[in-house]
C-alpha cells in the first residue's frame, strides 16, 4: 500500500493538528483572567486586550491586572499561529 502526499496529510497530519489544537486551546483558556479582573473594566477594553497585537488597552488597565491580561494575550497569539500556519501549509500542499 503506497500513500501519496494528500493521503498522508489526511490520515496523519489533520488528526495530529486537531489534537494539538485542542491541547493549545485548553492551555490558552487556563490563562483567561478571572471574572473579578474583567468585571472592573469596560467590555471594549477587555476585547482590545485579547487582540493579538494591540497595546493601547494597557493605558486603561490597573498595573496589578496587566500581567494576567498580557499572559492571556501571549497565549492567544500562539493559538492564532497554531491555527494559521498548518492551515496555509495544507493549502499550499494541495495547490501543488
N, C-alpha and C. Protein backbone atom coordinates (compact mmCIF):
# COMPACT_ATOMS: atom_id res chain seq x y z
N UNK A 1 0.85 -1.18 0.00
CA UNK A 1 0.00 0.00 0.00
C UNK A 1 0.89 1.24 0.00
N UNK A 2 0.74 2.03 -1.03
CA UNK A 2 1.56 3.23 -1.18
C UNK A 2 0.67 4.46 -0.99
N UNK A 3 1.10 5.36 -0.10
CA UNK A 3 0.34 6.57 0.17
C UNK A 3 0.96 7.76 -0.54
N UNK A 4 0.11 8.59 -1.11
CA UNK A 4 0.63 9.83 -1.68
C UNK A 4 0.57 10.94 -0.63
N UNK A 5 1.03 12.12 -0.97
CA UNK A 5 1.13 13.22 -0.02
C UNK A 5 -0.24 13.62 0.52
N UNK A 6 -1.23 13.68 -0.32
CA UNK A 6 -2.57 14.08 0.12
C UNK A 6 -3.15 13.11 1.14
N UNK A 7 -2.93 11.82 0.93
CA UNK A 7 -3.43 10.84 1.88
C UNK A 7 -2.67 10.90 3.21
N UNK A 8 -1.38 11.17 3.15
CA UNK A 8 -0.60 11.31 4.38
C UNK A 8 -1.13 12.48 5.19
N UNK A 9 -1.44 13.58 4.51
CA UNK A 9 -1.98 14.75 5.20
C UNK A 9 -3.33 14.42 5.81
N UNK A 10 -4.17 13.75 5.06
CA UNK A 10 -5.50 13.44 5.54
C UNK A 10 -5.48 12.48 6.73
N UNK A 11 -4.66 11.44 6.68
CA UNK A 11 -4.69 10.40 7.70
C UNK A 11 -3.74 10.63 8.86
N UNK A 12 -2.75 11.48 8.71
CA UNK A 12 -1.82 11.71 9.79
C UNK A 12 -1.82 13.16 10.28
N UNK A 13 -1.59 14.09 9.39
CA UNK A 13 -1.38 15.47 9.78
C UNK A 13 -2.63 16.12 10.35
N UNK A 14 -3.77 15.92 9.74
CA UNK A 14 -5.00 16.56 10.21
C UNK A 14 -5.41 16.07 11.60
N UNK A 15 -5.39 14.76 11.88
CA UNK A 15 -5.71 14.35 13.26
C UNK A 15 -4.70 14.84 14.30
N UNK A 16 -3.42 14.85 13.95
CA UNK A 16 -2.41 15.35 14.89
C UNK A 16 -2.61 16.85 15.11
N UNK A 17 -2.89 17.59 14.05
CA UNK A 17 -3.15 19.02 14.16
C UNK A 17 -4.38 19.28 15.03
N UNK A 18 -5.42 18.49 14.86
CA UNK A 18 -6.63 18.65 15.65
C UNK A 18 -6.36 18.40 17.13
N UNK A 19 -5.64 17.34 17.43
CA UNK A 19 -5.31 17.04 18.83
C UNK A 19 -4.44 18.14 19.44
N UNK A 20 -3.47 18.61 18.69
CA UNK A 20 -2.61 19.69 19.19
C UNK A 20 -3.42 20.96 19.39
N UNK A 21 -4.34 21.23 18.51
CA UNK A 21 -5.17 22.43 18.62
C UNK A 21 -6.04 22.37 19.87
N UNK A 22 -6.55 21.21 20.19
CA UNK A 22 -7.36 21.04 21.40
C UNK A 22 -6.50 21.30 22.64
N UNK A 23 -5.29 20.76 22.65
CA UNK A 23 -4.40 20.96 23.80
C UNK A 23 -4.00 22.43 23.94
N UNK A 24 -3.70 23.09 22.83
CA UNK A 24 -3.33 24.50 22.88
C UNK A 24 -4.52 25.35 23.31
N UNK A 25 -5.72 24.99 22.89
CA UNK A 25 -6.91 25.74 23.30
C UNK A 25 -7.14 25.63 24.80
N UNK A 26 -6.98 24.45 25.34
CA UNK A 26 -7.13 24.26 26.78
C UNK A 26 -6.07 25.07 27.53
N UNK A 27 -4.83 25.02 27.04
CA UNK A 27 -3.73 25.78 27.65
C UNK A 27 -4.02 27.28 27.61
N UNK A 28 -4.57 27.74 26.49
CA UNK A 28 -4.89 29.16 26.36
C UNK A 28 -6.01 29.55 27.32
N UNK A 29 -7.04 28.73 27.43
CA UNK A 29 -8.17 29.08 28.28
C UNK A 29 -7.83 29.03 29.77
N UNK A 30 -6.80 28.29 30.14
CA UNK A 30 -6.37 28.28 31.54
C UNK A 30 -5.80 29.63 31.97
N UNK A 31 -5.33 30.42 31.03
CA UNK A 31 -4.77 31.74 31.34
C UNK A 31 -5.83 32.84 31.30
N UNK A 32 -7.05 32.50 30.98
CA UNK A 32 -8.10 33.52 30.90
C UNK A 32 -8.27 34.20 32.26
N UNK A 33 -8.28 35.52 32.28
CA UNK A 33 -8.39 36.24 33.56
C UNK A 33 -9.72 35.95 34.26
N UNK A 34 -9.67 36.04 35.59
CA UNK A 34 -10.87 35.79 36.39
C UNK A 34 -11.94 36.84 36.12
N UNK A 35 -13.15 36.51 36.52
CA UNK A 35 -14.27 37.43 36.37
C UNK A 35 -14.05 38.68 37.23
N UNK A 36 -13.31 38.53 38.34
CA UNK A 36 -13.01 39.68 39.20
C UNK A 36 -12.25 40.75 38.42
N UNK A 37 -11.32 40.31 37.60
CA UNK A 37 -10.50 41.25 36.84
C UNK A 37 -11.29 41.85 35.68
N UNK A 38 -11.98 41.01 34.94
CA UNK A 38 -12.67 41.50 33.75
C UNK A 38 -13.88 42.37 34.09
N UNK A 39 -14.47 42.17 35.25
CA UNK A 39 -15.65 42.97 35.59
C UNK A 39 -15.29 44.41 35.99
N UNK A 40 -14.03 44.67 36.27
CA UNK A 40 -13.60 46.02 36.64
C UNK A 40 -13.58 46.98 35.45
N UNK A 41 -13.47 46.44 34.24
CA UNK A 41 -13.22 47.26 33.07
C UNK A 41 -14.34 47.10 32.03
N UNK A 42 -14.40 48.05 31.11
CA UNK A 42 -15.40 48.01 30.05
C UNK A 42 -15.14 46.81 29.14
N UNK A 43 -16.20 46.35 28.51
CA UNK A 43 -16.06 45.21 27.59
C UNK A 43 -15.13 45.53 26.42
N UNK A 44 -15.18 46.76 25.96
CA UNK A 44 -14.32 47.17 24.84
C UNK A 44 -12.85 47.03 25.21
N UNK A 45 -12.48 47.41 26.42
CA UNK A 45 -11.09 47.32 26.85
C UNK A 45 -10.67 45.86 26.96
N UNK A 46 -11.53 45.02 27.49
CA UNK A 46 -11.21 43.59 27.60
C UNK A 46 -11.09 42.99 26.20
N UNK A 47 -11.96 43.36 25.29
CA UNK A 47 -11.88 42.87 23.92
C UNK A 47 -10.57 43.29 23.27
N UNK A 48 -10.19 44.56 23.45
CA UNK A 48 -8.94 45.04 22.87
C UNK A 48 -7.73 44.32 23.47
N UNK A 49 -7.81 43.93 24.72
CA UNK A 49 -6.69 43.21 25.33
C UNK A 49 -6.53 41.81 24.76
N UNK A 50 -7.57 41.29 24.15
CA UNK A 50 -7.50 39.94 23.58
C UNK A 50 -7.07 39.91 22.13
N UNK A 51 -6.97 41.07 21.50
CA UNK A 51 -6.46 41.12 20.14
C UNK A 51 -4.96 40.88 20.17
N UNK A 52 -4.42 40.21 19.17
CA UNK A 52 -3.03 39.76 19.28
C UNK A 52 -1.97 40.86 19.30
N UNK A 53 -2.20 42.01 18.68
CA UNK A 53 -1.13 42.99 18.60
C UNK A 53 -1.49 44.35 19.17
N UNK A 54 -2.56 44.44 19.91
CA UNK A 54 -2.96 45.71 20.50
C UNK A 54 -2.16 46.04 21.75
N UNK A 55 -1.93 47.34 21.96
CA UNK A 55 -1.18 47.77 23.15
C UNK A 55 -1.84 48.95 23.85
N UNK A 56 -2.79 49.62 23.21
CA UNK A 56 -3.38 50.82 23.80
C UNK A 56 -4.28 50.50 24.99
N UNK A 57 -4.74 49.27 25.12
CA UNK A 57 -5.61 48.89 26.21
C UNK A 57 -4.90 49.00 27.56
N UNK A 58 -3.57 48.95 27.56
CA UNK A 58 -2.80 48.98 28.81
C UNK A 58 -2.96 50.31 29.55
N UNK A 59 -3.30 51.36 28.82
CA UNK A 59 -3.49 52.68 29.45
C UNK A 59 -4.72 52.70 30.35
N UNK A 60 -5.67 51.81 30.09
CA UNK A 60 -6.95 51.81 30.81
C UNK A 60 -7.04 50.71 31.86
N UNK A 61 -5.97 49.99 32.08
CA UNK A 61 -5.97 48.85 32.99
C UNK A 61 -5.06 49.18 34.17
N UNK A 62 -5.45 48.71 35.35
CA UNK A 62 -4.61 48.88 36.53
C UNK A 62 -3.34 48.05 36.42
N UNK A 63 -2.26 48.51 37.02
CA UNK A 63 -0.97 47.83 36.91
C UNK A 63 -1.00 46.41 37.46
N UNK A 64 -1.84 46.16 38.44
CA UNK A 64 -1.90 44.83 39.03
C UNK A 64 -2.57 43.80 38.12
N UNK A 65 -3.34 44.26 37.14
CA UNK A 65 -4.06 43.36 36.25
C UNK A 65 -3.39 43.18 34.89
N UNK A 66 -2.41 43.99 34.59
CA UNK A 66 -1.78 43.95 33.26
C UNK A 66 -1.11 42.60 32.99
N UNK A 67 -0.42 42.06 33.98
CA UNK A 67 0.33 40.81 33.73
C UNK A 67 -0.58 39.65 33.37
N UNK A 68 -1.72 39.53 34.05
CA UNK A 68 -2.61 38.41 33.72
C UNK A 68 -3.21 38.57 32.33
N UNK A 69 -3.51 39.80 31.94
CA UNK A 69 -4.04 40.03 30.60
C UNK A 69 -2.96 39.86 29.52
N UNK A 70 -1.73 40.21 29.84
CA UNK A 70 -0.63 40.01 28.89
C UNK A 70 -0.34 38.53 28.66
N UNK A 71 -0.40 37.74 29.72
CA UNK A 71 -0.20 36.30 29.57
C UNK A 71 -1.28 35.71 28.68
N UNK A 72 -2.51 36.13 28.90
CA UNK A 72 -3.61 35.64 28.07
C UNK A 72 -3.43 36.08 26.62
N UNK A 73 -3.00 37.32 26.40
CA UNK A 73 -2.77 37.81 25.04
C UNK A 73 -1.65 37.01 24.36
N UNK A 74 -0.61 36.70 25.09
CA UNK A 74 0.50 35.90 24.55
C UNK A 74 0.02 34.51 24.12
N UNK A 75 -0.79 33.91 24.96
CA UNK A 75 -1.31 32.58 24.61
C UNK A 75 -2.29 32.63 23.45
N UNK A 76 -3.02 33.72 23.31
CA UNK A 76 -3.91 33.88 22.16
C UNK A 76 -3.09 33.98 20.87
N UNK A 77 -1.95 34.68 20.93
CA UNK A 77 -1.07 34.76 19.76
C UNK A 77 -0.60 33.38 19.33
N UNK A 78 -0.19 32.58 20.27
CA UNK A 78 0.25 31.22 19.95
C UNK A 78 -0.90 30.41 19.38
N UNK A 79 -2.09 30.59 19.92
CA UNK A 79 -3.26 29.87 19.41
C UNK A 79 -3.57 30.27 17.97
N UNK A 80 -3.50 31.59 17.67
CA UNK A 80 -3.72 32.04 16.30
C UNK A 80 -2.69 31.44 15.35
N UNK A 81 -1.43 31.43 15.76
CA UNK A 81 -0.39 30.85 14.91
C UNK A 81 -0.60 29.36 14.71
N UNK A 82 -1.03 28.68 15.75
CA UNK A 82 -1.27 27.24 15.62
C UNK A 82 -2.45 26.94 14.69
N UNK A 83 -3.32 27.90 14.52
CA UNK A 83 -4.41 27.74 13.55
C UNK A 83 -3.96 28.06 12.12
N UNK A 84 -3.24 29.16 11.99
CA UNK A 84 -2.92 29.68 10.66
C UNK A 84 -1.83 28.91 9.93
N UNK A 85 -0.73 28.64 10.59
CA UNK A 85 0.41 28.02 9.90
C UNK A 85 0.05 26.67 9.30
N UNK A 86 -0.52 25.73 10.05
CA UNK A 86 -0.88 24.45 9.41
C UNK A 86 -1.94 24.60 8.33
N UNK A 87 -2.88 25.54 8.52
CA UNK A 87 -3.92 25.74 7.52
C UNK A 87 -3.32 26.17 6.19
N UNK A 88 -2.44 27.15 6.23
CA UNK A 88 -1.81 27.62 4.99
C UNK A 88 -0.85 26.58 4.42
N UNK A 89 -0.23 25.80 5.27
CA UNK A 89 0.63 24.72 4.80
C UNK A 89 -0.18 23.68 4.04
N UNK A 90 -1.34 23.33 4.54
CA UNK A 90 -2.22 22.38 3.85
C UNK A 90 -2.69 22.97 2.53
N UNK A 91 -3.08 24.24 2.54
CA UNK A 91 -3.50 24.87 1.28
C UNK A 91 -2.37 24.86 0.26
N UNK A 92 -1.16 25.13 0.70
CA UNK A 92 0.00 25.14 -0.19
C UNK A 92 0.26 23.75 -0.76
N UNK A 93 0.20 22.75 0.08
CA UNK A 93 0.48 21.38 -0.39
C UNK A 93 -0.58 20.92 -1.38
N UNK A 94 -1.85 21.20 -1.12
CA UNK A 94 -2.90 20.78 -2.04
C UNK A 94 -2.89 21.58 -3.33
N UNK A 95 -2.28 22.77 -3.33
CA UNK A 95 -2.20 23.57 -4.54
C UNK A 95 -1.07 23.12 -5.46
N UNK A 96 -0.16 22.30 -4.95
CA UNK A 96 0.97 21.83 -5.78
C UNK A 96 0.52 20.94 -6.90
